[in-house]
Amino acid sequence: MKKLLYITVNSKDETQSSSKTVGRRLVNAILEKLPDVQLEELDLYKDHIPQLKACYFEDRNAIVSTEAKSRLSAEEQNEVDTIIKLCDQFRDADIYVLAAPMWNMSFPSPLKEYLDCVIQVGKTVEFRNNKPHGTLNNKHRVFIYVQSSGGKIPWLTRPAINQGVNYVQDITKFLGIDTFEELLVDGTGTTEAERQEAIQKATEEIYELVDKMFD
């Protein structure tokens, strides 16, 4: 059974978050299209994401051995277990939907901490000739990034301003995920009317996107 991992990065309630509102609609459309897909959800503001410490690793992005782990405190061992669980969940997914707002030309910090957790040697990365290579090219995977932003970003300046999308796309490509798409909720503005207009515009793109990705 294929797995859909839905990741959200916003402390607001879903009804108040533009990215989470559109992200949920996208997830529902995917499940409607692919009813046999198993959904797993991860809220980076509610679910615990460890801050990485040197003692959790024995080498570059390589988690400590079982023996080394046994010498850590109980709390540190639990953190290592959580990192491994998050990494395994990410590695096992076939479809990813990530919903996040644009913050300061990027994304909220919990997303960076999460990505650092799931990029692990022996699971999502391997070294060949002393160079890192992603290992997620072993099957077809689809990653869709839903991003909300207050302003309407001109396409000409988008590459410079939209650094969060650029970073996530580069990371997924490095890991070996072969298909990346963005769904932008631009121009949420300062009023509820502007926000709803931006949400509706993005929602209208969902079914075309889902048909394109999963036909």
Protein backbone atom coordinates (compact mmCIF):
# COMPACT_ATOMS: atom_id res chain seq x y z
CA MET A 1 0.00 0.00 0.00
CA LYS A 2 1.30 3.45 -0.91
CA LYS A 3 1.75 6.02 1.83
CA LEU A 4 0.93 9.71 1.81
CA LEU A 5 2.82 11.77 4.38
CA TYR A 6 1.15 15.10 5.13
CA ILE A 7 3.48 17.51 6.94
CA THR A 8 2.28 20.86 8.30
CA VAL A 9 4.43 23.71 9.63
CA ASN A 10 2.16 26.31 11.19
CA SER A 11 1.08 26.87 14.79
CA LYS A 12 -2.30 28.23 13.70
CA ASP A 13 -5.46 26.14 13.67
CA GLU A 14 -6.25 24.69 10.25
CA THR A 15 -9.21 27.05 9.82
CA GLN A 16 -6.91 30.05 10.39
CA SER A 17 -3.95 28.85 8.35
CA SER A 18 -4.10 29.40 4.59
CA SER A 19 -1.40 26.84 3.82
CA LYS A 20 -3.02 24.19 6.03
CA THR A 21 -6.48 24.88 4.58
CA VAL A 22 -5.25 24.36 1.03
CA GLY A 23 -3.00 21.50 2.10
CA ARG A 24 -5.97 19.63 3.59
CA ARG A 25 -7.99 20.13 0.43
CA LEU A 26 -5.10 18.81 -1.63
CA VAL A 27 -4.71 15.76 0.62
CA ASN A 28 -8.45 15.05 0.37
CA ALA A 29 -8.30 15.33 -3.43
CA ILE A 30 -5.38 12.87 -3.56
CA LEU A 31 -7.23 10.40 -1.33
CA GLU A 32 -10.30 10.76 -3.53
CA LYS A 33 -8.15 10.00 -6.58
CA LEU A 34 -6.17 7.22 -4.85
CA PRO A 35 -8.47 5.68 -2.22
CA ASP A 36 -6.03 2.88 -1.36
CA VAL A 37 -3.34 5.28 -0.15
CA GLN A 38 -2.56 5.23 3.58
CA LEU A 39 -2.45 8.70 5.15
CA GLU A 40 0.04 9.65 7.86
CA GLU A 41 0.16 13.15 9.34
CA LEU A 42 2.91 15.09 11.05
CA ASP A 43 2.44 18.51 12.66
CA LEU A 44 5.86 20.02 13.24
CA TYR A 45 4.46 22.38 15.87
CA LYS A 46 2.72 19.65 17.88
CA ASP A 47 4.81 16.53 17.27
CA HIS A 48 8.21 16.54 18.91
CA ILE A 49 11.13 17.17 16.54
CA PRO A 50 14.52 16.69 18.26
CA GLN A 51 17.18 19.36 18.10
CA LEU A 52 20.24 17.56 16.86
CA LYS A 53 23.21 17.12 19.18
CA ALA A 54 26.68 15.84 18.36
CA CYS A 55 26.25 12.89 20.74
CA TYR A 56 23.45 11.51 18.55
CA PHE A 57 25.85 10.93 15.66
CA GLU A 58 29.02 8.97 15.07
CA ASP A 59 29.87 10.60 11.74
CA ARG A 60 28.40 12.99 9.18
CA ASN A 61 24.63 12.53 9.48
CA ALA A 62 25.20 8.94 10.66
CA ILE A 63 23.23 8.04 13.77
CA VAL A 64 25.13 6.46 16.65
CA SER A 65 25.59 2.70 16.85
CA THR A 66 23.54 0.61 19.23
CA GLU A 67 26.52 0.32 21.58
CA ALA A 68 27.19 4.07 21.59
CA LYS A 69 23.50 4.79 22.05
CA SER A 70 23.44 2.62 25.20
CA ARG A 71 25.91 5.01 26.83
CA LEU A 72 23.58 7.99 26.37
CA SER A 73 21.09 9.16 28.97
CA ALA A 74 17.53 7.80 28.79
CA GLU A 75 16.32 11.14 27.43
CA GLU A 76 19.02 11.19 24.75
CA GLN A 77 18.22 7.59 23.77
CA ASN A 78 14.58 8.59 23.31
CA GLU A 79 15.68 11.47 21.08
CA VAL A 80 17.73 9.11 18.92
CA ASP A 81 14.75 6.76 18.65
CA THR A 82 12.55 9.68 17.56
CA ILE A 83 15.05 10.73 14.88
CA ILE A 84 15.14 7.18 13.52
CA LYS A 85 11.34 6.95 13.56
CA LEU A 86 10.95 10.25 11.69
CA CYS A 87 13.56 9.22 9.14
CA ASP A 88 11.98 5.80 8.55
CA GLN A 89 8.55 7.40 8.13
CA PHE A 90 9.91 9.84 5.56
CA ARG A 91 11.83 7.14 3.69
CA ASP A 92 8.78 4.84 3.50
CA ALA A 93 6.43 7.44 1.99
CA ASP A 94 5.46 7.56 -1.69
CA ILE A 95 3.67 10.91 -1.72
CA TYR A 96 4.52 13.98 0.35
CA VAL A 97 2.39 17.06 0.91
CA LEU A 98 4.14 19.80 2.85
CA ALA A 99 2.12 22.86 3.88
CA ALA A 100 3.97 25.89 5.23
CA PRO A 101 3.79 29.67 5.20
CA MET A 102 6.54 31.83 3.76
CA TRP A 103 8.41 33.43 6.64
CA ASN A 104 11.16 35.95 5.89
CA MET A 105 11.67 34.59 2.35
CA SER A 106 11.90 31.04 3.73
CA PHE A 107 9.86 28.84 6.09
CA PRO A 108 9.39 28.35 9.87
CA SER A 109 12.41 26.92 11.66
CA PRO A 110 10.80 23.58 12.72
CA LEU A 111 10.91 22.53 9.07
CA LYS A 112 14.70 22.89 8.91
CA GLU A 113 15.05 20.86 12.11
CA TYR A 114 12.80 18.18 10.65
CA LEU A 115 14.71 17.98 7.38
CA ASP A 116 17.96 17.65 9.32
CA CYS A 117 16.41 14.70 11.18
CA VAL A 118 15.34 12.82 8.05
CA ILE A 119 18.59 13.22 6.12
CA GLN A 120 20.50 10.30 7.61
CA VAL A 121 23.31 8.13 6.24
CA GLY A 122 22.20 4.55 5.74
CA LYS A 123 18.57 5.55 5.39
CA THR A 124 18.02 8.47 3.01
CA VAL A 125 21.67 9.19 2.11
CA GLU A 126 24.76 7.16 1.33
CA PHE A 127 28.37 8.11 0.63
CA ARG A 128 30.04 6.89 -2.58
CA ASN A 129 33.62 7.94 -3.27
CA ASN A 130 33.33 10.28 -0.28
CA LYS A 131 30.40 12.11 -1.88
CA PRO A 132 26.81 12.09 -0.54
CA HIS A 133 24.02 10.68 -2.68
CA GLY A 134 20.33 10.42 -1.93
CA THR A 135 18.80 6.94 -1.83
CA LEU A 136 15.13 7.78 -2.45
CA ASN A 137 15.36 7.15 -6.19
CA ASN A 138 14.48 3.50 -5.65
CA LYS A 139 10.82 4.14 -6.51
CA HIS A 140 8.61 6.85 -7.93
CA ARG A 141 7.85 9.54 -5.39
CA VAL A 142 5.86 12.77 -5.59
CA PHE A 143 6.48 15.82 -3.39
CA ILE A 144 4.04 18.77 -3.40
CA TYR A 145 4.91 21.92 -1.49
CA VAL A 146 1.96 24.12 -0.50
CA GLN A 147 3.14 27.58 0.48
CA SER A 148 1.12 30.61 1.54
CA SER A 149 2.39 34.18 1.39
CA GLY A 150 0.85 37.53 2.21
CA GLY A 151 1.98 39.29 -0.94
CA LYS A 152 1.58 38.48 -4.60
CA ILE A 153 5.09 37.66 -5.74
CA PRO A 154 5.90 38.70 -9.35
CA TRP A 155 7.18 35.77 -11.38
CA LEU A 156 10.32 37.73 -12.35
CA THR A 157 11.45 38.11 -8.72
CA ARG A 158 10.09 34.76 -7.51
CA PRO A 159 13.43 32.85 -7.74
CA ALA A 160 15.15 35.39 -5.49
CA ILE A 161 12.33 35.85 -2.99
CA ASN A 162 10.91 32.34 -2.82
CA GLN A 163 13.94 30.77 -1.17
CA GLY A 164 11.91 28.34 0.93
CA VAL A 165 10.47 26.64 -2.15
CA ASN A 166 13.89 26.63 -3.80
CA TYR A 167 15.51 25.00 -0.77
CA VAL A 168 12.89 22.29 -0.36
CA GLN A 169 13.01 21.51 -4.07
CA ASP A 170 16.81 21.23 -3.99
CA ILE A 171 16.71 18.96 -0.93
CA THR A 172 14.10 16.63 -2.44
CA LYS A 173 16.05 16.44 -5.69
CA PHE A 174 19.23 15.62 -3.78
CA LEU A 175 17.45 12.85 -1.87
CA GLY A 176 16.30 11.30 -5.14
CA ILE A 177 12.60 12.24 -5.12
CA ASP A 178 11.85 12.43 -8.83
CA THR A 179 8.75 14.65 -8.95
CA PHE A 180 8.36 18.04 -7.26
CA GLU A 181 5.45 20.45 -7.64
CA GLU A 182 4.52 23.66 -5.87
CA LEU A 183 1.04 24.93 -5.04
CA LEU A 184 1.27 28.58 -4.06
CA VAL A 185 -1.35 30.42 -2.03
CA ASP A 186 -0.13 33.89 -2.92
CA GLY A 187 -1.65 37.19 -1.86
CA THR A 188 -3.41 36.22 1.36
CA GLY A 189 -3.18 39.92 2.17
CA THR A 190 -4.33 41.65 5.33
CA THR A 191 -8.09 41.02 5.27
CA GLU A 192 -10.16 37.85 5.52
CA ALA A 193 -11.67 38.58 2.10
CA GLU A 194 -8.20 38.68 0.53
CA ARG A 195 -7.22 35.47 2.30
CA GLN A 196 -10.31 33.63 1.14
CA GLU A 197 -9.77 34.83 -2.42
CA ALA A 198 -6.19 33.49 -2.37
CA ILE A 199 -7.35 30.18 -0.88
CA GLN A 200 -10.05 29.81 -3.52
CA LYS A 201 -7.63 30.54 -6.35
CA ALA A 202 -5.20 27.89 -5.09
CA THR A 203 -8.04 25.42 -4.50
CA GLU A 204 -9.09 25.74 -8.13
CA GLU A 205 -5.68 24.43 -9.16
CA ILE A 206 -5.88 21.30 -7.01
CA TYR A 207 -7.78 18.88 -9.23
CA GLU A 208 -5.74 19.78 -12.31
CA LEU A 209 -2.58 19.23 -10.29
CA VAL A 210 -3.80 15.90 -8.89
CA ASP A 211 -4.82 14.67 -12.34
CA LYS A 212 -1.42 15.67 -13.69
CA MET A 213 0.47 13.93 -10.88
CA PHE A 214 -1.53 10.73 -10.52
CA ASP A 215 -3.04 9.78 -13.90
